[in-house]
Amino acid sequence: MDIKAVVLDLDGTLLNSRHQISDRNKKVILELKNRGVKIFLATGRTYTSLYPYKQELDLDTPVICYNGAKIVDSKTDKTYFEFPIHGDDVKELIKISREKGIHLNLYQDEIWYIEKSDNEETKTYIEISGLDYTEKDFDTFEDYRMTKSLFIAEHERLLEIEGLLNKKLNGSVHVTFSKPFFLEILNGDVNKGTALEKVLETEGIPKENVVAFGDGLNDYEMLDTVGIGVAMGNSLDRLKGLVKLKTLSNDDDGVAVFLERYI
């Protein structure tokens, strides 16, 4: 297969459990890049949070962040696509968060908002993302449109929230898991697959000539869009059941192991 592009999720995929790009992964990616293969990042992270990894790989390609809700031109740091959650839907998310006592992150203009900071959910997210939070009363936003929202809790509790959202806001929001304890909420027309199609069309790259890697249900649409969609060995079981091709885990350099056959 003539590989023209590689698309990489970050957490649980390109990054190991220490949130680092391994030497082996970096070597393979840079070698493909030097051969003219386009390298794209597609992550649930904010642009601010993914930026150090973009710099580490010296990428100048468009970046898909917030699970496809925002695409950023990494040469200029300018947003050229953003599709936020509707304000009324965000108000419903806030209501559910308070009623169920489940932690909710809101993201707007590259700022991560929370209502309460003294909890394990906030500490966990800081460790993974490297971001600083802004504590705010969620009743005081002037504009309730959010790039993304995120519930953090035990998986069983989030499964309940997933069912509730699919019932109350069916079609208006896109609900997906990035990790067992992260339930991602996006505009109903947004996912990594639709965002990737926009990027590939702009870059003039046929999706049949693209390899993509992911580990969460939020990666499914992206993996289903491209010619070769690969699930990591550490992927959620629900994703493994949907994707034919697998590789080793993120801690076993699964990205490099799969791509080395093309070098």
C-alpha atoms as a PDB file:
ATOM      1  CA  MET A   1       0.000   0.000   0.000  1.00  0.00           C
ATOM      2  CA  ASP A   2       1.198   3.507  -0.846  1.00  0.00           C
ATOM      3  CA  ILE A   3       1.077   5.266   2.533  1.00  0.00           C
ATOM      4  CA  LYS A   4       0.710   9.029   2.153  1.00  0.00           C
ATOM      5  CA  ALA A   5      -0.306   9.917   5.716  1.00  0.00           C
ATOM      6  CA  VAL A   6      -0.274   8.601   9.281  1.00  0.00           C
ATOM      7  CA  VAL A   7      -2.823   9.828  11.828  1.00  0.00           C
ATOM      8  CA  LEU A   8      -2.028   9.428  15.510  1.00  0.00           C
ATOM      9  CA  ASP A   9      -4.104   9.665  18.634  1.00  0.00           C
ATOM     10  CA  LEU A  10      -1.967  10.699  21.620  1.00  0.00           C
ATOM     11  CA  ASP A  11      -2.968   9.284  25.017  1.00  0.00           C
ATOM     12  CA  GLY A  12      -2.957   5.502  25.052  1.00  0.00           C
ATOM     13  CA  THR A  13      -1.648   5.399  21.472  1.00  0.00           C
ATOM     14  CA  LEU A  14       1.454   7.387  20.542  1.00  0.00           C
ATOM     15  CA  LEU A  15       2.191   8.250  24.179  1.00  0.00           C
ATOM     16  CA  ASN A  16       3.216   5.610  26.688  1.00  0.00           C
ATOM     17  CA  SER A  17       1.896   5.433  30.244  1.00  0.00           C
ATOM     18  CA  ARG A  18       4.375   8.143  31.262  1.00  0.00           C
ATOM     19  CA  HIS A  19       2.805  10.447  28.638  1.00  0.00           C
ATOM     20  CA  GLN A  20       5.983  10.335  26.552  1.00  0.00           C
ATOM     21  CA  ILE A  21       6.791   9.532  22.914  1.00  0.00           C
ATOM     22  CA  SER A  22       9.218   6.611  23.017  1.00  0.00           C
ATOM     23  CA  ASP A  23      12.486   6.752  21.091  1.00  0.00           C
ATOM     24  CA  ARG A  24      11.351   3.903  18.841  1.00  0.00           C
ATOM     25  CA  ASN A  25       8.050   5.580  17.986  1.00  0.00           C
ATOM     26  CA  LYS A  26       9.768   8.901  17.352  1.00  0.00           C
ATOM     27  CA  LYS A  27      12.403   7.352  15.098  1.00  0.00           C
ATOM     28  CA  VAL A  28       9.821   5.637  12.872  1.00  0.00           C
ATOM     29  CA  ILE A  29       7.585   8.695  12.645  1.00  0.00           C
ATOM     30  CA  LEU A  30      10.444  11.034  11.764  1.00  0.00           C
ATOM     31  CA  GLU A  31      11.770   8.621   9.141  1.00  0.00           C
ATOM     32  CA  LEU A  32       8.346   8.440   7.468  1.00  0.00           C
ATOM     33  CA  LYS A  33       8.044  12.223   7.702  1.00  0.00           C
ATOM     34  CA  ASN A  34      11.444  12.633   6.007  1.00  0.00           C
ATOM     35  CA  ARG A  35      10.216  10.383   3.202  1.00  0.00           C
ATOM     36  CA  GLY A  36       7.310  12.735   2.546  1.00  0.00           C
ATOM     37  CA  VAL A  37       4.600  10.938   4.501  1.00  0.00           C
ATOM     38  CA  LYS A  38       2.305  13.455   6.224  1.00  0.00           C
ATOM     39  CA  ILE A  39       1.955  13.026   9.993  1.00  0.00           C
ATOM     40  CA  PHE A  40      -1.224  14.240  11.690  1.00  0.00           C
ATOM     41  CA  LEU A  41      -2.213  14.343  15.354  1.00  0.00           C
ATOM     42  CA  ALA A  42      -5.869  13.686  16.219  1.00  0.00           C
ATOM     43  CA  THR A  43      -6.600  13.869  19.927  1.00  0.00           C
ATOM     44  CA  GLY A  44      -9.172  14.730  22.519  1.00  0.00           C
ATOM     45  CA  ARG A  45      -6.679  17.119  24.083  1.00  0.00           C
ATOM     46  CA  THR A  46      -6.831  20.877  23.828  1.00  0.00           C
ATOM     47  CA  TYR A  47      -4.426  22.548  21.417  1.00  0.00           C
ATOM     48  CA  THR A  48      -2.467  23.906  24.386  1.00  0.00           C
ATOM     49  CA  SER A  49      -2.099  20.415  25.849  1.00  0.00           C
ATOM     50  CA  LEU A  50      -0.998  18.729  22.602  1.00  0.00           C
ATOM     51  CA  TYR A  51       1.360  21.540  21.587  1.00  0.00           C
ATOM     52  CA  PRO A  52       4.555  20.131  23.206  1.00  0.00           C
ATOM     53  CA  TYR A  53       4.170  16.863  21.271  1.00  0.00           C
ATOM     54  CA  LYS A  54       3.611  18.705  17.996  1.00  0.00           C
ATOM     55  CA  GLN A  55       6.821  20.612  18.686  1.00  0.00           C
ATOM     56  CA  GLU A  56       8.724  17.477  19.641  1.00  0.00           C
ATOM     57  CA  LEU A  57       7.884  15.906  16.271  1.00  0.00           C
ATOM     58  CA  ASP A  58       8.419  19.222  14.421  1.00  0.00           C
ATOM     59  CA  LEU A  59       5.002  18.983  12.741  1.00  0.00           C
ATOM     60  CA  ASP A  60       3.541  21.731  10.564  1.00  0.00           C
ATOM     61  CA  THR A  61       0.418  19.812   9.500  1.00  0.00           C
ATOM     62  CA  PRO A  62      -3.121  20.716  10.647  1.00  0.00           C
ATOM     63  CA  VAL A  63      -3.971  19.390  14.099  1.00  0.00           C
ATOM     64  CA  ILE A  64      -7.269  17.783  15.100  1.00  0.00           C
ATOM     65  CA  CYS A  65      -8.020  18.491  18.758  1.00  0.00           C
ATOM     66  CA  TYR A  66     -11.004  18.187  21.098  1.00  0.00           C
ATOM     67  CA  ASN A  67     -11.924  14.914  19.346  1.00  0.00           C
ATOM     68  CA  GLY A  68     -12.573  16.771  16.102  1.00  0.00           C
ATOM     69  CA  ALA A  69     -14.438  19.803  17.449  1.00  0.00           C
ATOM     70  CA  LYS A  70     -11.513  22.048  16.528  1.00  0.00           C
ATOM     71  CA  ILE A  71      -8.894  21.963  13.763  1.00  0.00           C
ATOM     72  CA  VAL A  72      -5.874  24.231  14.108  1.00  0.00           C
ATOM     73  CA  ASP A  73      -3.326  25.341  11.521  1.00  0.00           C
ATOM     74  CA  SER A  74      -0.144  24.444  13.371  1.00  0.00           C
ATOM     75  CA  LYS A  75       1.952  26.807  11.234  1.00  0.00           C
ATOM     76  CA  THR A  76       0.046  29.869  12.482  1.00  0.00           C
ATOM     77  CA  ASP A  77      -1.750  28.485  15.581  1.00  0.00           C
ATOM     78  CA  LYS A  78      -4.980  29.824  14.056  1.00  0.00           C
ATOM     79  CA  THR A  79      -8.246  27.911  14.308  1.00  0.00           C
ATOM     80  CA  TYR A  80      -9.788  27.283  10.914  1.00  0.00           C
ATOM     81  CA  PHE A  81     -12.635  25.012  12.068  1.00  0.00           C
ATOM     82  CA  GLU A  82     -14.591  24.832  15.321  1.00  0.00           C
ATOM     83  CA  PHE A  83     -17.987  23.294  15.936  1.00  0.00           C
ATOM     84  CA  PRO A  84     -18.999  23.742  19.606  1.00  0.00           C
ATOM     85  CA  ILE A  85     -21.770  22.132  21.639  1.00  0.00           C
ATOM     86  CA  HIS A  86     -24.971  24.165  21.633  1.00  0.00           C
ATOM     87  CA  GLY A  87     -25.484  26.309  24.745  1.00  0.00           C
ATOM     88  CA  ASP A  88     -28.793  24.674  25.726  1.00  0.00           C
ATOM     89  CA  ASP A  89     -27.142  21.245  25.584  1.00  0.00           C
ATOM     90  CA  VAL A  90     -24.285  22.447  27.794  1.00  0.00           C
ATOM     91  CA  LYS A  91     -26.821  23.706  30.358  1.00  0.00           C
ATOM     92  CA  GLU A  92     -28.366  20.233  30.375  1.00  0.00           C
ATOM     93  CA  LEU A  93     -24.923  18.684  30.949  1.00  0.00           C
ATOM     94  CA  ILE A  94     -24.377  20.998  33.909  1.00  0.00           C
ATOM     95  CA  LYS A  95     -27.766  20.033  35.325  1.00  0.00           C
ATOM     96  CA  ILE A  96     -27.011  16.317  35.005  1.00  0.00           C
ATOM     97  CA  SER A  97     -23.572  16.782  36.574  1.00  0.00           C
ATOM     98  CA  ARG A  98     -25.076  18.438  39.621  1.00  0.00           C
ATOM     99  CA  GLU A  99     -27.985  16.025  39.960  1.00  0.00           C
ATOM    100  CA  LYS A 100     -25.771  12.939  39.695  1.00  0.00           C
ATOM    101  CA  GLY A 101     -22.812  14.384  41.600  1.00  0.00           C
ATOM    102  CA  ILE A 102     -20.399  13.635  38.728  1.00  0.00           C
ATOM    103  CA  HIS A 103     -17.414  15.847  37.900  1.00  0.00           C
ATOM    104  CA  LEU A 104     -17.721  17.876  34.688  1.00  0.00           C
ATOM    105  CA  ASN A 105     -15.006  19.658  32.692  1.00  0.00           C
ATOM    106  CA  LEU A 106     -16.003  22.424  30.273  1.00  0.00           C
ATOM    107  CA  TYR A 107     -13.691  23.804  27.554  1.00  0.00           C
ATOM    108  CA  GLN A 108     -14.020  27.192  25.914  1.00  0.00           C
ATOM    109  CA  ASP A 109     -11.396  29.307  24.133  1.00  0.00           C
ATOM    110  CA  GLU A 110      -8.603  26.922  25.239  1.00  0.00           C
ATOM    111  CA  ILE A 111      -9.581  27.322  28.900  1.00  0.00           C
ATOM    112  CA  TRP A 112     -10.458  24.316  31.074  1.00  0.00           C
ATOM    113  CA  TYR A 113     -13.263  25.179  33.502  1.00  0.00           C
ATOM    114  CA  ILE A 114     -14.373  23.296  36.619  1.00  0.00           C
ATOM    115  CA  GLU A 115     -16.696  24.166  39.482  1.00  0.00           C
ATOM    116  CA  LYS A 116     -14.768  22.395  42.238  1.00  0.00           C
ATOM    117  CA  SER A 117     -11.048  21.689  42.327  1.00  0.00           C
ATOM    118  CA  ASP A 118     -10.594  19.723  45.553  1.00  0.00           C
ATOM    119  CA  ASN A 119     -11.219  16.256  44.137  1.00  0.00           C
ATOM    120  CA  GLU A 120      -9.399  13.276  42.651  1.00  0.00           C
ATOM    121  CA  GLU A 121     -10.926  13.834  39.213  1.00  0.00           C
ATOM    122  CA  THR A 122      -9.204  17.191  38.882  1.00  0.00           C
ATOM    123  CA  LYS A 123      -5.884  15.768  40.082  1.00  0.00           C
ATOM    124  CA  THR A 124      -6.126  12.896  37.579  1.00  0.00           C
ATOM    125  CA  TYR A 125      -6.844  15.237  34.691  1.00  0.00           C
ATOM    126  CA  ILE A 126      -3.970  17.555  35.608  1.00  0.00           C
ATOM    127  CA  GLU A 127      -1.582  14.579  35.650  1.00  0.00           C
ATOM    128  CA  ILE A 128      -2.698  13.396  32.209  1.00  0.00           C
ATOM    129  CA  SER A 129      -3.145  16.722  30.426  1.00  0.00           C
ATOM    130  CA  GLY A 130      -0.571  18.965  32.077  1.00  0.00           C
ATOM    131  CA  LEU A 131      -3.163  21.765  32.058  1.00  0.00           C
ATOM    132  CA  ASP A 132      -4.112  24.270  34.737  1.00  0.00           C
ATOM    133  CA  TYR A 133      -7.793  24.700  35.553  1.00  0.00           C
ATOM    134  CA  THR A 134      -9.963  27.777  35.999  1.00  0.00           C
ATOM    135  CA  GLU A 135     -12.490  27.414  38.809  1.00  0.00           C
ATOM    136  CA  LYS A 136     -15.826  29.034  37.953  1.00  0.00           C
ATOM    137  CA  ASP A 137     -19.482  28.994  38.916  1.00  0.00           C
ATOM    138  CA  PHE A 138     -21.092  27.340  35.881  1.00  0.00           C
ATOM    139  CA  ASP A 139     -24.104  29.621  36.272  1.00  0.00           C
ATOM    140  CA  THR A 140     -22.022  32.659  35.323  1.00  0.00           C
ATOM    141  CA  PHE A 141     -21.036  32.010  31.695  1.00  0.00           C
ATOM    142  CA  GLU A 142     -22.126  34.683  29.244  1.00  0.00           C
ATOM    143  CA  ASP A 143     -21.812  32.235  26.348  1.00  0.00           C
ATOM    144  CA  TYR A 144     -22.605  28.579  27.069  1.00  0.00           C
ATOM    145  CA  ARG A 145     -21.289  27.173  23.791  1.00  0.00           C
ATOM    146  CA  MET A 146     -18.367  24.865  24.635  1.00  0.00           C
ATOM    147  CA  THR A 147     -15.796  23.265  22.360  1.00  0.00           C
ATOM    148  CA  LYS A 148     -16.071  20.069  24.389  1.00  0.00           C
ATOM    149  CA  SER A 149     -17.334  18.755  27.715  1.00  0.00           C
ATOM    150  CA  LEU A 150     -16.023  15.815  29.714  1.00  0.00           C
ATOM    151  CA  PHE A 151     -17.503  13.766  32.561  1.00  0.00           C
ATOM    152  CA  ILE A 152     -14.967  12.032  34.834  1.00  0.00           C
ATOM    153  CA  ALA A 153     -16.007   9.116  37.067  1.00  0.00           C
ATOM    154  CA  GLU A 154     -15.892   5.352  37.465  1.00  0.00           C
ATOM    155  CA  HIS A 155     -16.841   3.519  34.271  1.00  0.00           C
ATOM    156  CA  GLU A 156     -20.098   2.079  35.608  1.00  0.00           C
ATOM    157  CA  ARG A 157     -21.347   5.525  36.611  1.00  0.00           C
ATOM    158  CA  LEU A 158     -20.403   6.921  33.216  1.00  0.00           C
ATOM    159  CA  LEU A 159     -22.291   4.141  31.438  1.00  0.00           C
ATOM    160  CA  GLU A 160     -25.386   5.406  33.258  1.00  0.00           C
ATOM    161  CA  ILE A 161     -24.653   8.958  32.097  1.00  0.00           C
ATOM    162  CA  GLU A 162     -24.062   7.731  28.528  1.00  0.00           C
ATOM    163  CA  GLY A 163     -27.504   6.124  28.469  1.00  0.00           C
ATOM    164  CA  LEU A 164     -29.120   9.197  29.977  1.00  0.00           C
ATOM    165  CA  LEU A 165     -27.518  11.540  27.430  1.00  0.00           C
ATOM    166  CA  ASN A 166     -28.432   9.322  24.499  1.00  0.00           C
ATOM    167  CA  LYS A 167     -32.031   9.435  25.721  1.00  0.00           C
ATOM    168  CA  LYS A 168     -32.261  13.143  26.590  1.00  0.00           C
ATOM    169  CA  LEU A 169     -30.023  14.676  23.931  1.00  0.00           C
ATOM    170  CA  ASN A 170     -30.186  12.023  21.207  1.00  0.00           C
ATOM    171  CA  GLY A 171     -28.585  13.342  18.006  1.00  0.00           C
ATOM    172  CA  SER A 172     -27.841  16.765  19.450  1.00  0.00           C
ATOM    173  CA  VAL A 173     -24.584  15.635  21.078  1.00  0.00           C
ATOM    174  CA  HIS A 174     -21.997  12.988  20.253  1.00  0.00           C
ATOM    175  CA  VAL A 175     -21.159  10.850  23.316  1.00  0.00           C
ATOM    176  CA  THR A 176     -18.055   8.647  23.414  1.00  0.00           C
ATOM    177  CA  PHE A 177     -15.412   7.178  25.730  1.00  0.00           C
ATOM    178  CA  SER A 178     -11.742   8.156  25.376  1.00  0.00           C
ATOM    179  CA  LYS A 179     -10.860   6.211  28.527  1.00  0.00           C
ATOM    180  CA  PRO A 180     -13.037   4.064  30.796  1.00  0.00           C
ATOM    181  CA  PHE A 181     -13.205   7.025  33.206  1.00  0.00           C
ATOM    182  CA  PHE A 182     -13.523   9.808  30.561  1.00  0.00           C
ATOM    183  CA  LEU A 183     -16.901  10.328  28.869  1.00  0.00           C
ATOM    184  CA  GLU A 184     -16.500  12.897  26.087  1.00  0.00           C
ATOM    185  CA  ILE A 185     -19.378  15.094  24.912  1.00  0.00           C
ATOM    186  CA  LEU A 186     -19.246  16.913  21.563  1.00  0.00           C
ATOM    187  CA  ASN A 187     -21.584  18.571  19.123  1.00  0.00           C
ATOM    188  CA  GLY A 188     -23.703  15.872  17.504  1.00  0.00           C
ATOM    189  CA  ASP A 189     -22.084  16.445  14.104  1.00  0.00           C
ATOM    190  CA  VAL A 190     -18.518  16.177  15.433  1.00  0.00           C
ATOM    191  CA  ASN A 191     -16.081  13.276  15.725  1.00  0.00           C
ATOM    192  CA  LYS A 192     -12.490  12.551  14.729  1.00  0.00           C
ATOM    193  CA  GLY A 193     -13.638  10.917  11.493  1.00  0.00           C
ATOM    194  CA  THR A 194     -15.528  13.935  10.152  1.00  0.00           C
ATOM    195  CA  ALA A 195     -12.666  16.242  11.132  1.00  0.00           C
ATOM    196  CA  LEU A 196     -10.104  13.980   9.456  1.00  0.00           C
ATOM    197  CA  GLU A 197     -12.113  13.959   6.241  1.00  0.00           C
ATOM    198  CA  LYS A 198     -11.941  17.778   6.187  1.00  0.00           C
ATOM    199  CA  VAL A 199      -8.173  17.714   6.755  1.00  0.00           C
ATOM    200  CA  LEU A 200      -7.474  15.053   4.129  1.00  0.00           C
ATOM    201  CA  GLU A 201      -9.617  16.858   1.570  1.00  0.00           C
ATOM    202  CA  THR A 202      -7.725  20.103   2.237  1.00  0.00           C
ATOM    203  CA  GLU A 203      -4.382  18.307   1.962  1.00  0.00           C
ATOM    204  CA  GLY A 204      -5.406  16.397  -1.177  1.00  0.00           C
ATOM    205  CA  ILE A 205      -4.724  12.988   0.391  1.00  0.00           C
ATOM    206  CA  PRO A 206      -6.990  10.029  -0.496  1.00  0.00           C
ATOM    207  CA  LYS A 207      -8.267   8.424   2.698  1.00  0.00           C
ATOM    208  CA  GLU A 208      -7.483   5.012   1.201  1.00  0.00           C
ATOM    209  CA  ASN A 209      -3.777   5.891   1.509  1.00  0.00           C
ATOM    210  CA  VAL A 210      -3.916   6.696   5.221  1.00  0.00           C
ATOM    211  CA  VAL A 211      -3.012   4.690   8.330  1.00  0.00           C
ATOM    212  CA  ALA A 212      -4.599   5.748  11.635  1.00  0.00           C
ATOM    213  CA  PHE A 213      -4.049   4.544  15.204  1.00  0.00           C
ATOM    214  CA  GLY A 214      -6.276   4.826  18.274  1.00  0.00           C
ATOM    215  CA  ASP A 215      -7.238   3.181  21.555  1.00  0.00           C
ATOM    216  CA  GLY A 216     -10.605   4.675  22.569  1.00  0.00           C
ATOM    217  CA  LEU A 217     -14.155   4.635  21.285  1.00  0.00           C
ATOM    218  CA  ASN A 218     -13.597   8.282  20.374  1.00  0.00           C
ATOM    219  CA  ASP A 219     -11.154   6.976  17.741  1.00  0.00           C
ATOM    220  CA  TYR A 220     -13.588   4.588  16.053  1.00  0.00           C
ATOM    221  CA  GLU A 221     -14.944   6.941  13.364  1.00  0.00           C
ATOM    222  CA  MET A 222     -11.391   7.957  12.460  1.00  0.00           C
ATOM    223  CA  LEU A 223     -10.208   4.348  12.170  1.00  0.00           C
ATOM    224  CA  ASP A 224     -13.266   3.484  10.114  1.00  0.00           C
ATOM    225  CA  THR A 225     -12.660   6.410   7.741  1.00  0.00           C
ATOM    226  CA  VAL A 226      -9.151   5.524   6.565  1.00  0.00           C
ATOM    227  CA  GLY A 227      -7.694   2.728   4.463  1.00  0.00           C
ATOM    228  CA  ILE A 228      -5.911   1.132   7.426  1.00  0.00           C
ATOM    229  CA  GLY A 229      -7.415   1.673  10.879  1.00  0.00           C
ATOM    230  CA  VAL A 230      -5.423   0.098  13.713  1.00  0.00           C
ATOM    231  CA  ALA A 231      -6.507  -0.453  17.325  1.00  0.00           C
ATOM    232  CA  MET A 232      -3.841  -0.516  20.020  1.00  0.00           C
ATOM    233  CA  GLY A 233      -3.342  -3.598  22.171  1.00  0.00           C
ATOM    234  CA  ASN A 234      -4.478  -1.604  25.199  1.00  0.00           C
ATOM    235  CA  SER A 235      -7.667  -0.412  23.468  1.00  0.00           C
ATOM    236  CA  LEU A 236     -11.074  -0.552  25.087  1.00  0.00           C
ATOM    237  CA  ASP A 237     -12.686  -3.923  24.406  1.00  0.00           C
ATOM    238  CA  ARG A 238     -15.608  -2.222  22.657  1.00  0.00           C
ATOM    239  CA  LEU A 239     -13.180  -0.709  20.134  1.00  0.00           C
ATOM    240  CA  LYS A 240     -11.338  -4.004  19.597  1.00  0.00           C
ATOM    241  CA  GLY A 241     -14.665  -5.564  18.654  1.00  0.00           C
ATOM    242  CA  LEU A 242     -15.221  -2.935  15.957  1.00  0.00           C
ATOM    243  CA  VAL A 243     -11.758  -2.792  14.345  1.00  0.00           C
ATOM    244  CA  LYS A 244     -10.112  -5.639  12.441  1.00  0.00           C
ATOM    245  CA  LEU A 245      -6.462  -4.610  12.641  1.00  0.00           C
ATOM    246  CA  LYS A 246      -4.593  -4.595  15.963  1.00  0.00           C
ATOM    247  CA  THR A 247      -1.077  -3.840  17.134  1.00  0.00           C
ATOM    248  CA  LEU A 248       0.804  -3.993  20.429  1.00  0.00           C
ATOM    249  CA  SER A 249       0.066  -1.694  23.349  1.00  0.00           C
ATOM    250  CA  ASN A 250       1.226   1.902  23.707  1.00  0.00           C
ATOM    251  CA  ASP A 251       3.834   0.753  26.246  1.00  0.00           C
ATOM    252  CA  ASP A 252       5.158  -1.805  23.753  1.00  0.00           C
ATOM    253  CA  ASP A 253       5.674   0.729  20.916  1.00  0.00           C
ATOM    254  CA  GLY A 254       2.630  -0.563  19.053  1.00  0.00           C
ATOM    255  CA  VAL A 255       2.668   2.345  16.587  1.00  0.00           C
ATOM    256  CA  ALA A 256       6.294   1.734  15.587  1.00  0.00           C
ATOM    257  CA  VAL A 257       5.866  -2.037  15.433  1.00  0.00           C
ATOM    258  CA  PHE A 258       3.049  -1.681  12.907  1.00  0.00           C
ATOM    259  CA  LEU A 259       4.673   1.079  10.838  1.00  0.00           C
ATOM    260  CA  GLU A 260       8.114  -0.504  10.563  1.00  0.00           C
ATOM    261  CA  ARG A 261       6.804  -2.779   7.815  1.00  0.00           C
ATOM    262  CA  TYR A 262       6.407   0.338   5.615  1.00  0.00           C
ATOM    263  CA  ILE A 263       9.974   1.586   6.091  1.00  0.00           C
END
